[in-house]
């Protein structure tokens, strides 16, 4: 039972299909890869279906496939993303998260939305603020 955002997830086969649609469109792939800031493309269930090179390089990941199907807090190791089996966005603490609030607001309104996001993350050095 979720305490904030819906917990439903899309199957990995559908996530992979969405990724292939982005990756195989060379115009979109080139455009998104050229963006210098970290960028995620999410589906309706807030899962990553595509990310750009800046995110992969900043996080030191092997490739784009390691983030497919994850939610933003799961990628950044938010301490609240692992509290519940439903994952990022579903705990009572997520009500204050600017990331999930912006995502839900944009989905609801169809307009861009912006909230400040402060996240406590698990890192090799312990808990850090992001």
N, C-alpha and C. Protein backbone atom coordinates (compact mmCIF):
# COMPACT_ATOMS: atom_id res chain seq x y z
N UNK A 1 0.84 -1.18 0.00
CA UNK A 1 0.00 0.00 0.00
C UNK A 1 0.89 1.25 0.00
N UNK A 2 0.72 2.09 -0.98
CA UNK A 2 1.54 3.28 -1.10
C UNK A 2 1.02 4.40 -0.19
N UNK A 3 1.96 5.23 0.27
CA UNK A 3 1.58 6.34 1.14
C UNK A 3 1.65 7.68 0.41
N UNK A 4 1.97 7.63 -0.91
CA UNK A 4 1.96 8.87 -1.68
C UNK A 4 1.65 8.58 -3.15
N UNK A 5 2.64 8.41 -3.98
CA UNK A 5 2.44 8.23 -5.41
C UNK A 5 2.07 6.77 -5.73
N UNK A 6 1.43 6.56 -6.88
CA UNK A 6 1.08 5.19 -7.26
C UNK A 6 2.32 4.29 -7.38
N UNK A 7 2.15 3.02 -7.08
CA UNK A 7 3.28 2.09 -7.07
C UNK A 7 3.39 1.23 -8.32
N UNK A 8 2.39 1.25 -9.20
CA UNK A 8 2.40 0.38 -10.37
C UNK A 8 3.65 0.61 -11.21
N UNK A 9 4.12 -0.46 -11.82
CA UNK A 9 5.29 -0.39 -12.70
C UNK A 9 4.98 -1.07 -14.03
N UNK A 10 5.66 -0.59 -15.04
CA UNK A 10 5.55 -1.16 -16.38
C UNK A 10 6.50 -2.35 -16.49
N UNK A 11 6.15 -3.33 -17.29
CA UNK A 11 7.01 -4.50 -17.48
C UNK A 11 8.33 -4.08 -18.12
N UNK A 12 9.37 -4.86 -17.83
CA UNK A 12 10.68 -4.51 -18.40
C UNK A 12 10.67 -4.63 -19.92
N UNK A 13 9.89 -5.54 -20.48
CA UNK A 13 9.81 -5.64 -21.94
C UNK A 13 9.30 -4.34 -22.55
N UNK A 14 8.29 -3.73 -21.93
CA UNK A 14 7.76 -2.45 -22.43
C UNK A 14 8.78 -1.33 -22.23
N UNK A 15 9.48 -1.35 -21.11
CA UNK A 15 10.55 -0.35 -20.85
C UNK A 15 11.61 -0.46 -21.95
N UNK A 16 12.02 -1.68 -22.24
CA UNK A 16 13.03 -1.90 -23.28
C UNK A 16 12.53 -1.42 -24.64
N UNK A 17 11.28 -1.67 -24.94
CA UNK A 17 10.68 -1.21 -26.19
C UNK A 17 10.71 0.32 -26.27
N UNK A 18 10.36 0.99 -25.17
CA UNK A 18 10.43 2.46 -25.13
C UNK A 18 11.85 2.95 -25.34
N UNK A 19 12.81 2.31 -24.67
CA UNK A 19 14.22 2.68 -24.82
C UNK A 19 14.66 2.54 -26.27
N UNK A 20 14.30 1.41 -26.88
CA UNK A 20 14.68 1.17 -28.28
C UNK A 20 14.12 2.24 -29.20
N UNK A 21 12.90 2.70 -28.92
CA UNK A 21 12.30 3.77 -29.73
C UNK A 21 13.12 5.05 -29.67
N UNK A 22 13.61 5.41 -28.49
CA UNK A 22 14.47 6.59 -28.36
C UNK A 22 15.83 6.34 -29.00
N UNK A 23 16.44 5.22 -28.64
CA UNK A 23 17.81 4.94 -29.07
C UNK A 23 17.91 4.76 -30.58
N UNK A 24 16.93 4.14 -31.19
CA UNK A 24 16.97 3.87 -32.62
C UNK A 24 16.61 5.08 -33.48
N UNK A 25 16.05 6.12 -32.87
CA UNK A 25 15.79 7.36 -33.59
C UNK A 25 17.04 8.22 -33.44
N UNK A 26 17.90 8.21 -34.44
CA UNK A 26 19.21 8.85 -34.33
C UNK A 26 19.13 10.36 -34.13
N UNK A 27 18.08 11.01 -34.63
CA UNK A 27 17.94 12.45 -34.42
C UNK A 27 17.68 12.73 -32.93
N UNK A 28 16.74 12.00 -32.36
CA UNK A 28 16.41 12.18 -30.94
C UNK A 28 17.60 11.77 -30.08
N UNK A 29 18.22 10.65 -30.40
CA UNK A 29 19.37 10.16 -29.64
C UNK A 29 20.50 11.19 -29.64
N UNK A 30 20.79 11.75 -30.78
CA UNK A 30 21.86 12.75 -30.88
C UNK A 30 21.50 14.01 -30.09
N UNK A 31 20.27 14.46 -30.21
CA UNK A 31 19.81 15.65 -29.50
C UNK A 31 19.87 15.45 -27.98
N UNK A 32 19.33 14.34 -27.49
CA UNK A 32 19.31 14.10 -26.04
C UNK A 32 20.71 13.86 -25.49
N UNK A 33 21.58 13.24 -26.27
CA UNK A 33 22.95 13.00 -25.83
C UNK A 33 23.76 14.29 -25.77
N UNK A 34 23.36 15.28 -26.53
CA UNK A 34 24.09 16.55 -26.56
C UNK A 34 23.76 17.46 -25.37
N UNK A 35 22.68 17.18 -24.67
CA UNK A 35 22.31 18.00 -23.51
C UNK A 35 23.38 17.82 -22.43
N UNK A 36 23.98 18.93 -21.98
CA UNK A 36 25.09 18.81 -21.02
C UNK A 36 24.66 18.48 -19.58
N UNK A 37 23.40 18.65 -19.26
CA UNK A 37 22.89 18.35 -17.92
C UNK A 37 22.30 16.95 -17.87
N UNK A 38 22.29 16.38 -16.66
CA UNK A 38 21.68 15.06 -16.51
C UNK A 38 20.21 15.13 -16.89
N UNK A 39 19.75 14.14 -17.64
CA UNK A 39 18.38 14.13 -18.09
C UNK A 39 17.82 12.72 -18.08
N UNK A 40 16.59 12.59 -17.62
CA UNK A 40 15.87 11.33 -17.62
C UNK A 40 14.58 11.50 -18.40
N UNK A 41 14.20 10.48 -19.15
CA UNK A 41 12.88 10.43 -19.76
C UNK A 41 12.12 9.35 -18.99
N UNK A 42 10.98 9.74 -18.44
CA UNK A 42 10.19 8.83 -17.62
C UNK A 42 8.89 8.44 -18.31
N UNK A 43 8.40 7.26 -17.98
CA UNK A 43 7.08 6.86 -18.46
C UNK A 43 6.02 7.30 -17.45
N UNK A 44 4.78 6.94 -17.65
CA UNK A 44 3.68 7.36 -16.78
C UNK A 44 3.84 6.81 -15.36
N UNK A 45 4.57 5.71 -15.21
CA UNK A 45 4.79 5.12 -13.89
C UNK A 45 6.07 5.66 -13.22
N UNK A 46 6.62 6.74 -13.78
CA UNK A 46 7.80 7.44 -13.25
C UNK A 46 9.07 6.60 -13.37
N UNK A 47 9.08 5.66 -14.28
CA UNK A 47 10.25 4.81 -14.50
C UNK A 47 11.07 5.35 -15.68
N UNK A 48 12.37 5.19 -15.59
CA UNK A 48 13.27 5.65 -16.64
C UNK A 48 13.12 4.76 -17.87
N UNK A 49 12.86 5.42 -19.00
CA UNK A 49 12.85 4.70 -20.28
C UNK A 49 14.01 5.18 -21.16
N UNK A 50 14.67 6.26 -20.73
CA UNK A 50 15.83 6.76 -21.45
C UNK A 50 16.57 7.76 -20.57
N UNK A 51 17.88 7.80 -20.67
CA UNK A 51 18.68 8.83 -20.00
C UNK A 51 19.80 9.23 -20.94
N UNK A 52 20.36 10.40 -20.68
CA UNK A 52 21.42 10.86 -21.56
C UNK A 52 22.81 10.51 -21.03
N UNK A 53 23.79 10.78 -21.85
CA UNK A 53 25.18 10.47 -21.54
C UNK A 53 25.65 11.21 -20.29
N UNK A 54 25.19 12.45 -20.09
CA UNK A 54 25.61 13.24 -18.92
C UNK A 54 25.25 12.53 -17.62
N UNK A 55 24.10 11.91 -17.55
CA UNK A 55 23.71 11.19 -16.34
C UNK A 55 24.62 9.99 -16.12
N UNK A 56 24.86 9.24 -17.16
CA UNK A 56 25.72 8.05 -17.06
C UNK A 56 27.12 8.43 -16.60
N UNK A 57 27.67 9.48 -17.22
CA UNK A 57 29.03 9.91 -16.87
C UNK A 57 29.10 10.49 -15.46
N UNK A 58 28.12 11.29 -15.09
CA UNK A 58 28.11 11.91 -13.76
C UNK A 58 28.02 10.86 -12.66
N UNK A 59 27.21 9.85 -12.87
CA UNK A 59 27.03 8.80 -11.86
C UNK A 59 28.06 7.68 -11.98
N UNK A 60 28.89 7.72 -13.02
CA UNK A 60 29.92 6.70 -13.20
C UNK A 60 29.36 5.33 -13.48
N UNK A 61 28.27 5.28 -14.23
CA UNK A 61 27.62 4.00 -14.55
C UNK A 61 28.22 3.38 -15.80
N UNK A 62 28.01 2.10 -15.97
CA UNK A 62 28.55 1.37 -17.12
C UNK A 62 27.85 1.77 -18.41
N UNK A 63 26.53 1.75 -18.42
CA UNK A 63 25.77 2.16 -19.60
C UNK A 63 24.34 2.51 -19.21
N UNK A 64 23.57 2.91 -20.20
CA UNK A 64 22.20 3.37 -19.97
C UNK A 64 21.26 2.27 -19.47
N UNK A 65 21.57 1.05 -19.77
CA UNK A 65 20.66 -0.04 -19.42
C UNK A 65 20.53 -0.26 -17.92
N UNK A 66 21.53 0.16 -17.14
CA UNK A 66 21.47 -0.09 -15.70
C UNK A 66 20.41 0.74 -15.00
N UNK A 67 19.93 1.81 -15.62
CA UNK A 67 18.90 2.65 -14.99
C UNK A 67 17.50 2.40 -15.55
N UNK A 68 17.39 1.62 -16.60
CA UNK A 68 16.07 1.39 -17.21
C UNK A 68 15.12 0.74 -16.22
N UNK A 69 13.93 1.30 -16.12
CA UNK A 69 12.90 0.78 -15.23
C UNK A 69 12.96 1.30 -13.81
N UNK A 70 14.06 1.99 -13.47
CA UNK A 70 14.17 2.56 -12.13
C UNK A 70 13.48 3.91 -12.06
N UNK A 71 13.22 4.35 -10.86
CA UNK A 71 12.66 5.68 -10.62
C UNK A 71 13.79 6.58 -10.15
N UNK A 72 13.63 7.90 -10.24
CA UNK A 72 14.73 8.81 -9.91
C UNK A 72 15.39 8.55 -8.56
N UNK A 73 14.63 8.39 -7.49
CA UNK A 73 15.21 8.15 -6.18
C UNK A 73 16.00 6.85 -6.10
N UNK A 74 15.61 5.88 -6.90
CA UNK A 74 16.32 4.59 -6.93
C UNK A 74 17.66 4.74 -7.64
N UNK A 75 17.71 5.60 -8.64
CA UNK A 75 18.97 5.84 -9.36
C UNK A 75 19.98 6.55 -8.47
N UNK A 76 19.49 7.56 -7.73
CA UNK A 76 20.38 8.37 -6.91
C UNK A 76 20.59 7.79 -5.50
N UNK A 77 20.00 6.64 -5.21
CA UNK A 77 20.12 5.96 -3.92
C UNK A 77 19.50 6.76 -2.77
N UNK A 78 18.36 7.37 -3.00
CA UNK A 78 17.64 8.08 -1.95
C UNK A 78 17.35 7.11 -0.80
N UNK A 79 17.57 7.57 0.42
CA UNK A 79 17.36 6.69 1.58
C UNK A 79 15.90 6.27 1.72
N UNK A 80 14.98 7.06 1.19
CA UNK A 80 13.56 6.73 1.31
C UNK A 80 13.07 5.78 0.22
N UNK A 81 13.82 5.65 -0.86
CA UNK A 81 13.39 4.80 -1.97
C UNK A 81 13.37 3.32 -1.60
N UNK A 82 14.17 2.95 -0.60
CA UNK A 82 14.24 1.54 -0.23
C UNK A 82 13.45 1.21 1.04
N UNK A 83 12.77 2.19 1.60
CA UNK A 83 11.96 1.95 2.80
C UNK A 83 10.80 1.02 2.48
N UNK A 84 10.22 1.21 1.32
CA UNK A 84 9.04 0.46 0.92
C UNK A 84 9.37 -0.42 -0.28
N UNK A 85 8.73 -1.57 -0.37
CA UNK A 85 8.93 -2.44 -1.53
C UNK A 85 8.48 -1.76 -2.82
N UNK A 86 7.54 -0.81 -2.72
CA UNK A 86 7.02 -0.12 -3.90
C UNK A 86 8.03 0.87 -4.48
N UNK A 87 9.03 1.28 -3.69
CA UNK A 87 10.13 2.10 -4.18
C UNK A 87 9.89 3.59 -4.15
N UNK A 88 10.65 4.28 -4.95
CA UNK A 88 10.68 5.75 -5.01
C UNK A 88 9.28 6.34 -5.21
N UNK A 89 8.98 7.31 -4.34
CA UNK A 89 7.72 8.05 -4.47
C UNK A 89 6.57 7.51 -3.66
N UNK A 90 6.76 6.39 -2.96
CA UNK A 90 5.62 5.73 -2.34
C UNK A 90 5.57 5.80 -0.82
N UNK A 91 6.56 6.43 -0.18
CA UNK A 91 6.54 6.50 1.28
C UNK A 91 5.95 7.82 1.75
N UNK A 92 5.66 7.92 3.04
CA UNK A 92 5.14 9.17 3.57
C UNK A 92 6.16 10.30 3.44
N UNK A 93 7.46 9.97 3.43
CA UNK A 93 8.50 10.98 3.29
C UNK A 93 8.53 11.57 1.88
N UNK A 94 8.04 10.83 0.93
CA UNK A 94 8.04 11.27 -0.47
C UNK A 94 7.07 12.43 -0.70
N UNK A 95 6.15 12.65 0.22
CA UNK A 95 5.23 13.77 0.10
C UNK A 95 5.97 15.10 0.05
N UNK A 96 7.16 15.15 0.67
CA UNK A 96 7.95 16.38 0.70
C UNK A 96 9.01 16.44 -0.41
N UNK A 97 9.09 15.39 -1.22
CA UNK A 97 10.12 15.32 -2.27
C UNK A 97 9.73 16.17 -3.48
N UNK A 98 10.57 17.12 -3.81
CA UNK A 98 10.31 17.98 -4.96
C UNK A 98 10.33 17.23 -6.28
N UNK A 99 11.14 16.19 -6.37
CA UNK A 99 11.22 15.44 -7.63
C UNK A 99 9.89 14.77 -7.95
N UNK A 100 9.39 13.96 -7.03
CA UNK A 100 8.14 13.25 -7.30
C UNK A 100 6.96 14.21 -7.38
N UNK A 101 6.99 15.28 -6.60
CA UNK A 101 5.91 16.26 -6.68
C UNK A 101 5.87 16.93 -8.05
N UNK A 102 7.04 17.28 -8.58
CA UNK A 102 7.10 17.90 -9.91
C UNK A 102 6.62 16.92 -10.99
N UNK A 103 7.02 15.68 -10.88
CA UNK A 103 6.60 14.67 -11.85
C UNK A 103 5.08 14.50 -11.83
N UNK A 104 4.53 14.34 -10.64
CA UNK A 104 3.08 14.14 -10.52
C UNK A 104 2.31 15.38 -10.98
N UNK A 105 2.79 16.56 -10.64
CA UNK A 105 2.13 17.80 -11.07
C UNK A 105 2.13 17.92 -12.59
N UNK A 106 3.27 17.61 -13.21
CA UNK A 106 3.36 17.68 -14.67
C UNK A 106 2.43 16.66 -15.31
N UNK A 107 2.37 15.47 -14.76
CA UNK A 107 1.46 14.46 -15.29
C UNK A 107 0.01 14.91 -15.17
N UNK A 108 -0.33 15.49 -14.03
CA UNK A 108 -1.71 15.92 -13.78
C UNK A 108 -2.11 17.09 -14.67
N UNK A 109 -1.22 18.08 -14.79
CA UNK A 109 -1.58 19.31 -15.49
C UNK A 109 -1.21 19.31 -16.97
N UNK A 110 -0.22 18.52 -17.33
CA UNK A 110 0.28 18.55 -18.71
C UNK A 110 1.20 19.73 -18.98
N UNK A 111 1.53 20.48 -17.93
CA UNK A 111 2.41 21.64 -18.05
C UNK A 111 3.70 21.40 -17.28
N UNK A 112 4.77 22.08 -17.69
CA UNK A 112 6.03 21.95 -16.93
C UNK A 112 5.81 22.35 -15.47
N UNK A 113 6.54 21.71 -14.59
CA UNK A 113 6.43 21.98 -13.16
C UNK A 113 7.83 21.96 -12.56
N UNK A 114 8.01 22.76 -11.51
CA UNK A 114 9.33 22.82 -10.90
C UNK A 114 9.19 22.91 -9.38
N UNK A 115 9.89 22.04 -8.70
CA UNK A 115 9.98 22.05 -7.24
C UNK A 115 11.44 21.84 -6.88
N UNK A 116 11.82 22.33 -5.72
CA UNK A 116 13.17 22.07 -5.23
C UNK A 116 13.22 20.66 -4.66
N UNK A 117 14.28 19.96 -4.94
CA UNK A 117 14.43 18.59 -4.45
C UNK A 117 15.70 18.49 -3.62
N UNK A 118 15.54 18.14 -2.36
CA UNK A 118 16.65 17.85 -1.46
C UNK A 118 16.55 16.38 -1.11
N UNK A 119 17.61 15.64 -1.37
CA UNK A 119 17.55 14.21 -1.20
C UNK A 119 18.70 13.74 -0.31
N UNK A 120 18.41 12.87 0.63
CA UNK A 120 19.46 12.21 1.40
C UNK A 120 19.76 10.90 0.68
N UNK A 121 21.02 10.72 0.33
CA UNK A 121 21.39 9.54 -0.44
C UNK A 121 22.41 8.69 0.31
N UNK A 122 22.39 7.40 0.01
CA UNK A 122 23.39 6.47 0.52
C UNK A 122 24.58 6.53 -0.43
N UNK A 123 25.76 6.74 0.13
CA UNK A 123 26.97 6.76 -0.69
C UNK A 123 28.05 5.93 0.01
N UNK A 124 29.19 5.80 -0.64
CA UNK A 124 30.30 5.07 -0.04
C UNK A 124 30.78 5.72 1.26
N UNK A 125 30.57 7.03 1.38
CA UNK A 125 30.97 7.76 2.59
C UNK A 125 29.86 7.82 3.63
N UNK A 126 28.75 7.18 3.41
CA UNK A 126 27.61 7.21 4.34
C UNK A 126 26.45 7.99 3.75
N UNK A 127 25.64 8.59 4.60
CA UNK A 127 24.49 9.38 4.15
C UNK A 127 24.96 10.78 3.79
N UNK A 128 24.57 11.25 2.61
CA UNK A 128 24.95 12.58 2.13
C UNK A 128 23.72 13.31 1.63
N UNK A 129 23.77 14.63 1.68
CA UNK A 129 22.70 15.45 1.13
C UNK A 129 23.00 15.74 -0.32
N UNK A 130 21.98 15.65 -1.14
CA UNK A 130 22.10 15.95 -2.58
C UNK A 130 21.09 17.01 -2.91
